Amino acid sequence: MPNFSESVTNHYTALLQTLCDISEAYLYEGKMDEAVNILNIGEQFAKAKEVAPRDVMKLLLQHGNVLIMNYFLTNSGFDAMLSMVLRAKKVAEDMPDEQGKADALQLLGEVYYYQSLNTEAREYERALEYFQQALNSRVALGDERGTSESLFYIGLIYQNGDTPDNEKAFDYFTRSFHIAEKHDYKLEESYAARHIASILGERKELEQALTYALRSLSLREEISFNRYLPPSHGLVGEIYFRQHDLERAMFHNQRAYELAQEMNLPSFIMWGSIAIGEIYLAQHDTAQAKEKYEQAYGIAQELNLPYALKELREKLQQLLD
């Protein structure tokens, strides 16, 4: 029979894992506040001396992941996000735990990637260094899911960074997709498929782009990854728009907008408004287009998103010209 300390440690292991699982379920549903709150509760339990360092590390990694996603969607909480991931990295290093260190490096890359995306910080190179370190460690560990994830994020740097290179991005997304597909990692597969579709759309390979975009949407529906259904519908709608199928384009963008509203995800509400405005403009309904652009502009101001504000100023100016 285990002694008192070992028994309590085992109970804490189960408890903290359950709290992480609950937070992940909230994350899938787009209930960001609830996901953060449940992990704040976990932080209180994690202070007990009987809690194993590995369980503290897992909680901190999950907390960091949730704060990163919340930052991406709200453009707020950068310091808390960075602090949480650095704490996780230190615990992993002190143990030491190679898997934990690799996961923390991945999250550090995400911290600086999303900071660069949301602001004018221009930390893409720093993000890339962390992603590359995480990838090297995950390959060495035989972590196929993590390898797929790191390849995907390196692709994002080449797609959205300071010196975009869609050919390199496409290569990384494709490698990520094939690993995820082979091992049935549906979440990672959905991410890679969506960005493969995006690049194919830019190449005007619209039928193939639509196949990948619908694949991503289907995977997210299958695993109930509701938080990211809005951008999935949005991309499908964008491809239909490029095919001049305004009816289907409007259906998917309206769905993206409605889902974002239901989950109170302001950045996705903003992008849905812009897309719907584009469709109204194509239908020569400038009044409704202007209304949607102005709505999006208000959200961009609230979130303080420079890139979105610039784009929307240009769109509103074009309506006046």
Protein backbone atom coordinates (compact mmCIF):
# COMPACT_ATOMS: atom_id res chain seq x y z
CA MET A 1 0.00 0.00 0.00
CA PRO A 2 1.44 3.41 -0.93
CA ASN A 3 2.48 5.71 1.91
CA PHE A 4 0.59 8.92 2.64
CA SER A 5 2.77 11.23 0.53
CA GLU A 6 2.77 8.89 -2.49
CA SER A 7 -0.99 8.43 -2.25
CA VAL A 8 -1.64 12.18 -2.12
CA THR A 9 0.76 12.76 -5.02
CA ASN A 10 -1.17 10.24 -7.11
CA HIS A 11 -4.45 11.97 -6.30
CA TYR A 12 -2.96 15.33 -7.29
CA THR A 13 -1.73 13.79 -10.56
CA ALA A 14 -5.28 12.67 -11.37
CA LEU A 15 -6.81 15.97 -10.25
CA LEU A 16 -4.49 18.22 -12.25
CA GLN A 17 -4.84 16.04 -15.34
CA THR A 18 -8.62 16.30 -15.03
CA LEU A 19 -8.43 20.09 -14.76
CA CYS A 20 -6.20 20.19 -17.86
CA ASP A 21 -8.71 18.00 -19.72
CA ILE A 22 -11.60 20.27 -18.68
CA SER A 23 -9.71 23.35 -19.83
CA GLU A 24 -9.01 21.66 -23.19
CA ALA A 25 -12.71 20.89 -23.60
CA TYR A 26 -13.55 24.55 -22.89
CA LEU A 27 -10.84 25.57 -25.38
CA TYR A 28 -12.43 23.47 -28.12
CA GLU A 29 -15.78 25.12 -27.39
CA GLY A 30 -14.33 28.63 -27.61
CA LYS A 31 -15.09 29.25 -23.91
CA MET A 32 -11.82 31.03 -23.27
CA ASP A 33 -12.65 32.57 -19.87
CA GLU A 34 -13.77 29.21 -18.49
CA ALA A 35 -10.60 27.53 -19.79
CA VAL A 36 -8.44 30.13 -18.03
CA ASN A 37 -10.46 30.01 -14.81
CA ILE A 38 -10.21 26.25 -14.41
CA LEU A 39 -6.44 26.42 -14.80
CA ASN A 40 -6.24 29.24 -12.25
CA ILE A 41 -7.89 26.81 -9.84
CA GLY A 42 -5.28 24.23 -10.80
CA GLU A 43 -2.50 26.69 -9.98
CA GLN A 44 -3.75 26.83 -6.38
CA PHE A 45 -3.61 23.04 -6.05
CA ALA A 46 -0.19 22.91 -7.74
CA LYS A 47 1.33 24.82 -4.79
CA ALA A 48 1.00 21.78 -2.52
CA LYS A 49 4.37 20.19 -1.66
CA GLU A 50 3.05 16.73 -2.57
CA VAL A 51 2.49 17.68 -6.21
CA ALA A 52 5.06 16.11 -8.55
CA PRO A 53 7.13 18.53 -10.69
CA ARG A 54 5.95 16.70 -13.83
CA ASP A 55 2.33 17.52 -12.97
CA VAL A 56 3.20 21.17 -12.31
CA MET A 57 4.93 21.27 -15.69
CA LYS A 58 1.92 19.76 -17.49
CA LEU A 59 -0.42 22.28 -15.86
CA LEU A 60 1.84 25.22 -16.75
CA LEU A 61 2.18 24.04 -20.36
CA GLN A 62 -1.58 23.74 -20.70
CA HIS A 63 -2.09 27.13 -19.05
CA GLY A 64 0.45 28.67 -21.41
CA ASN A 65 -1.30 27.12 -24.42
CA VAL A 66 -4.67 28.50 -23.35
CA LEU A 67 -3.27 31.98 -22.69
CA ILE A 68 -1.61 31.96 -26.12
CA MET A 69 -4.89 31.14 -27.84
CA ASN A 70 -6.66 33.79 -25.78
CA TYR A 71 -4.01 36.36 -26.72
CA PHE A 72 -4.39 35.56 -30.42
CA LEU A 73 -8.13 36.14 -30.23
CA THR A 74 -8.12 39.22 -27.97
CA ASN A 75 -4.66 40.82 -28.41
CA SER A 76 -4.41 41.12 -24.61
CA GLY A 77 -2.45 39.42 -21.84
CA PHE A 78 0.98 39.20 -23.46
CA ASP A 79 3.00 39.43 -20.23
CA ALA A 80 0.94 36.76 -18.45
CA MET A 81 1.24 34.45 -21.46
CA LEU A 82 5.03 34.83 -21.72
CA SER A 83 5.51 34.43 -17.97
CA MET A 84 3.48 31.22 -17.89
CA VAL A 85 5.46 29.60 -20.72
CA LEU A 86 8.81 30.62 -19.18
CA ARG A 87 7.72 29.06 -15.88
CA ALA A 88 6.85 25.83 -17.68
CA LYS A 89 10.22 25.83 -19.45
CA LYS A 90 12.10 26.31 -16.16
CA VAL A 91 10.29 23.43 -14.45
CA ALA A 92 11.00 21.20 -17.46
CA GLU A 93 14.69 22.18 -17.41
CA ASP A 94 15.01 21.68 -13.65
CA MET A 95 13.61 18.13 -13.76
CA PRO A 96 14.97 17.66 -16.51
CA ASP A 97 12.24 16.55 -18.95
CA GLU A 98 13.17 16.59 -22.63
CA GLN A 99 9.57 16.33 -23.88
CA GLY A 100 8.50 19.16 -21.59
CA LYS A 101 11.40 21.33 -22.78
CA ALA A 102 10.47 20.69 -26.40
CA ASP A 103 6.83 21.58 -25.73
CA ALA A 104 7.84 24.76 -23.90
CA LEU A 105 10.10 25.79 -26.80
CA GLN A 106 7.16 25.28 -29.16
CA LEU A 107 4.97 27.50 -26.99
CA LEU A 108 7.66 30.19 -26.81
CA GLY A 109 7.69 30.23 -30.59
CA GLU A 110 3.94 30.66 -30.57
CA VAL A 111 4.19 33.53 -28.07
CA TYR A 112 6.44 35.52 -30.40
CA TYR A 113 4.64 34.46 -33.58
CA TYR A 114 1.26 35.68 -32.34
CA GLN A 115 2.82 38.83 -30.89
CA SER A 116 4.23 39.57 -34.34
CA LEU A 117 0.92 38.75 -36.01
CA ASN A 118 -1.15 40.93 -33.66
CA THR A 119 1.24 43.86 -33.36
CA GLU A 120 4.18 45.42 -35.13
CA ALA A 121 6.72 43.69 -32.85
CA ARG A 122 8.45 41.84 -35.74
CA GLU A 123 9.66 38.88 -33.69
CA TYR A 124 9.21 36.32 -36.46
CA GLU A 125 12.91 35.37 -36.51
CA ARG A 126 12.91 34.71 -32.78
CA ALA A 127 9.74 32.63 -33.17
CA LEU A 128 11.36 30.64 -35.98
CA GLU A 129 14.40 29.86 -33.83
CA TYR A 130 12.19 28.43 -31.08
CA PHE A 131 10.09 26.42 -33.56
CA GLN A 132 13.24 24.98 -35.11
CA GLN A 133 14.63 24.01 -31.69
CA ALA A 134 11.30 22.40 -30.80
CA LEU A 135 11.24 20.53 -34.12
CA ASN A 136 14.77 19.19 -33.64
CA SER A 137 13.94 17.96 -30.14
CA ARG A 138 10.65 16.41 -31.17
CA VAL A 139 12.22 14.56 -34.08
CA ALA A 140 14.92 13.22 -31.74
CA LEU A 141 12.22 12.12 -29.27
CA GLY A 142 10.16 10.38 -31.97
CA ASP A 143 7.25 12.72 -31.16
CA GLU A 144 5.28 12.54 -34.43
CA ARG A 145 2.38 14.74 -33.29
CA GLY A 146 4.78 17.39 -32.04
CA THR A 147 6.83 17.14 -35.22
CA SER A 148 3.72 17.78 -37.30
CA GLU A 149 2.84 20.78 -35.11
CA SER A 150 6.32 22.35 -35.31
CA LEU A 151 6.51 21.86 -39.08
CA PHE A 152 3.15 23.62 -39.40
CA TYR A 153 4.27 26.63 -37.36
CA ILE A 154 7.51 26.95 -39.32
CA GLY A 155 5.27 27.04 -42.39
CA LEU A 156 3.33 29.91 -40.80
CA ILE A 157 6.54 31.90 -40.40
CA TYR A 158 7.31 31.48 -44.10
CA GLN A 159 3.72 32.34 -45.02
CA ASN A 160 3.22 35.40 -42.78
CA GLY A 161 6.67 36.52 -41.64
CA ASP A 162 8.87 39.45 -42.64
CA THR A 163 10.00 37.79 -45.89
CA PRO A 164 7.09 35.60 -47.07
CA ASP A 165 7.99 32.54 -49.11
CA ASN A 166 4.88 30.59 -50.05
CA GLU A 167 6.88 27.81 -51.71
CA LYS A 168 8.72 27.05 -48.47
CA ALA A 169 5.50 27.49 -46.48
CA PHE A 170 3.70 25.04 -48.76
CA ASP A 171 6.48 22.48 -48.30
CA TYR A 172 6.28 22.67 -44.50
CA PHE A 173 2.48 22.55 -44.49
CA THR A 174 2.55 19.51 -46.77
CA ARG A 175 5.07 17.69 -44.58
CA SER A 176 2.97 18.51 -41.51
CA PHE A 177 -0.19 17.31 -43.26
CA HIS A 178 1.27 13.95 -44.34
CA ILE A 179 2.52 13.12 -40.83
CA ALA A 180 -0.82 14.11 -39.28
CA GLU A 181 -2.79 12.17 -41.88
CA LYS A 182 -0.61 9.07 -41.45
CA HIS A 183 -1.03 9.02 -37.66
CA ASP A 184 -4.64 10.28 -37.60
CA TYR A 185 -3.85 13.52 -35.73
CA LYS A 186 -7.05 15.21 -36.82
CA LEU A 187 -6.40 18.60 -35.21
CA GLU A 188 -2.93 18.99 -36.73
CA GLU A 189 -4.24 17.70 -40.06
CA SER A 190 -6.98 20.34 -40.02
CA TYR A 191 -4.47 23.14 -39.46
CA ALA A 192 -2.17 22.00 -42.27
CA ALA A 193 -5.04 21.35 -44.70
CA ARG A 194 -6.45 24.82 -44.15
CA HIS A 195 -3.17 26.56 -44.95
CA ILE A 196 -2.45 24.32 -47.91
CA ALA A 197 -5.86 25.43 -49.19
CA SER A 198 -4.98 29.08 -48.58
CA ILE A 199 -1.83 28.89 -50.71
CA LEU A 200 -3.56 26.88 -53.44
CA GLY A 201 -6.22 29.60 -53.50
CA GLU A 202 -3.57 32.26 -54.01
CA ARG A 203 -2.19 30.17 -56.89
CA LYS A 204 -5.71 30.18 -58.37
CA GLU A 205 -5.86 26.38 -58.12
CA LEU A 206 -9.34 26.80 -56.76
CA GLU A 207 -10.80 23.30 -57.10
CA GLN A 208 -7.88 21.74 -55.25
CA ALA A 209 -7.96 24.57 -52.71
CA LEU A 210 -11.63 23.89 -52.06
CA THR A 211 -10.93 20.18 -51.49
CA TYR A 212 -8.40 20.97 -48.76
CA ALA A 213 -10.53 23.73 -47.21
CA LEU A 214 -13.54 21.42 -46.98
CA ARG A 215 -11.29 18.70 -45.54
CA SER A 216 -10.13 21.06 -42.79
CA LEU A 217 -13.70 22.10 -42.02
CA SER A 218 -14.87 18.47 -41.94
CA LEU A 219 -12.08 17.43 -39.56
CA ARG A 220 -12.86 20.27 -37.16
CA GLU A 221 -16.54 19.40 -37.17
CA GLU A 222 -15.67 15.73 -36.58
CA ILE A 223 -13.59 16.47 -33.47
CA SER A 224 -15.89 19.32 -32.32
CA PHE A 225 -13.08 21.88 -32.57
CA ASN A 226 -15.70 24.59 -32.51
CA ARG A 227 -13.39 27.47 -31.63
CA TYR A 228 -11.79 27.39 -35.06
CA LEU A 229 -14.87 26.62 -37.13
CA PRO A 230 -15.30 30.34 -37.99
CA PRO A 231 -12.01 30.65 -39.95
CA SER A 232 -12.67 27.26 -41.57
CA HIS A 233 -16.04 28.41 -42.87
CA GLY A 234 -14.44 31.74 -43.79
CA LEU A 235 -11.82 30.12 -46.00
CA VAL A 236 -14.39 27.93 -47.75
CA GLY A 237 -16.44 31.08 -48.31
CA GLU A 238 -13.39 32.92 -49.65
CA ILE A 239 -12.74 30.19 -52.22
CA TYR A 240 -16.36 30.19 -53.35
CA PHE A 241 -16.09 33.97 -53.64
CA ARG A 242 -13.07 33.58 -55.94
CA GLN A 243 -15.13 31.13 -57.98
CA HIS A 244 -17.84 33.83 -58.26
CA ASP A 245 -20.31 31.62 -56.38
CA LEU A 246 -21.64 34.43 -54.19
CA GLU A 247 -24.52 32.40 -52.76
CA ARG A 248 -22.25 29.71 -51.28
CA ALA A 249 -19.70 32.37 -50.30
CA MET A 250 -22.35 34.24 -48.33
CA PHE A 251 -23.62 31.04 -46.67
CA HIS A 252 -20.20 30.09 -45.30
CA ASN A 253 -19.21 33.61 -44.27
CA GLN A 254 -22.52 34.15 -42.52
CA ARG A 255 -21.96 30.85 -40.70
CA ALA A 256 -18.45 31.97 -39.73
CA TYR A 257 -19.83 35.27 -38.44
CA GLU A 258 -22.67 33.66 -36.48
CA LEU A 259 -20.42 31.08 -34.82
CA ALA A 260 -17.91 33.76 -33.86
CA GLN A 261 -20.71 35.78 -32.29
CA GLU A 262 -22.04 32.76 -30.39
CA MET A 263 -18.59 32.10 -28.91
CA ASN A 264 -17.79 35.82 -28.47
CA LEU A 265 -14.56 35.62 -30.49
CA PRO A 266 -14.06 39.26 -31.56
CA SER A 267 -11.24 38.81 -34.08
CA PHE A 268 -13.25 36.18 -35.96
CA ILE A 269 -16.34 38.43 -35.84
CA MET A 270 -14.17 41.13 -37.44
CA TRP A 271 -12.93 38.90 -40.27
CA GLY A 272 -16.44 37.60 -40.87
CA SER A 273 -17.71 41.18 -41.18
CA ILE A 274 -14.97 42.03 -43.69
CA ALA A 275 -15.74 38.97 -45.83
CA ILE A 276 -19.47 39.67 -45.85
CA GLY A 277 -18.71 43.28 -46.76
CA GLU A 278 -16.71 42.04 -49.75
CA ILE A 279 -19.67 39.99 -50.95
CA TYR A 280 -22.03 42.95 -50.61
CA LEU A 281 -19.56 45.03 -52.59
CA ALA A 282 -19.48 42.40 -55.34
CA GLN A 283 -23.28 42.61 -55.40
CA HIS A 284 -22.99 46.43 -55.79
CA ASP A 285 -24.62 46.98 -52.37
CA THR A 286 -22.21 49.64 -51.15
CA ALA A 287 -24.41 50.70 -48.21
CA GLN A 288 -24.34 47.26 -46.58
CA ALA A 289 -20.66 46.81 -47.48
CA LYS A 290 -19.85 50.08 -45.72
CA GLU A 291 -21.87 49.00 -42.67
CA LYS A 292 -19.93 45.71 -42.37
CA TYR A 293 -16.55 47.42 -42.87
CA GLU A 294 -17.39 50.00 -40.21
CA GLN A 295 -18.41 47.25 -37.80
CA ALA A 296 -15.10 45.46 -38.45
CA TYR A 297 -13.19 48.73 -38.05
CA GLY A 298 -14.73 49.27 -34.61
CA ILE A 299 -13.61 45.80 -33.50
CA ALA A 300 -10.12 46.35 -34.93
CA GLN A 301 -9.89 49.56 -32.89
CA GLU A 302 -10.98 47.75 -29.71
CA LEU A 303 -8.42 45.01 -30.29
CA ASN A 304 -5.73 47.48 -31.43
CA LEU A 305 -4.81 45.46 -34.52
CA PRO A 306 -2.66 47.69 -36.79
CA TYR A 307 -2.75 45.40 -39.85
CA ALA A 308 -6.55 45.13 -39.76
CA LEU A 309 -7.00 48.88 -39.23
CA LYS A 310 -4.79 49.63 -42.24
CA GLU A 311 -6.73 47.24 -44.49
CA LEU A 312 -10.11 48.58 -43.36
CA ARG A 313 -9.11 52.23 -43.79
CA GLU A 314 -8.20 51.40 -47.39
CA LYS A 315 -11.52 49.62 -47.99
CA LEU A 316 -13.56 52.46 -46.52
CA GLN A 317 -11.59 55.03 -48.51
CA GLN A 318 -12.25 53.10 -51.73
CA LEU A 319 -15.99 53.35 -51.05
CA LEU A 320 -15.63 57.14 -50.86
CA ASP A 321 -13.59 57.48 -54.06
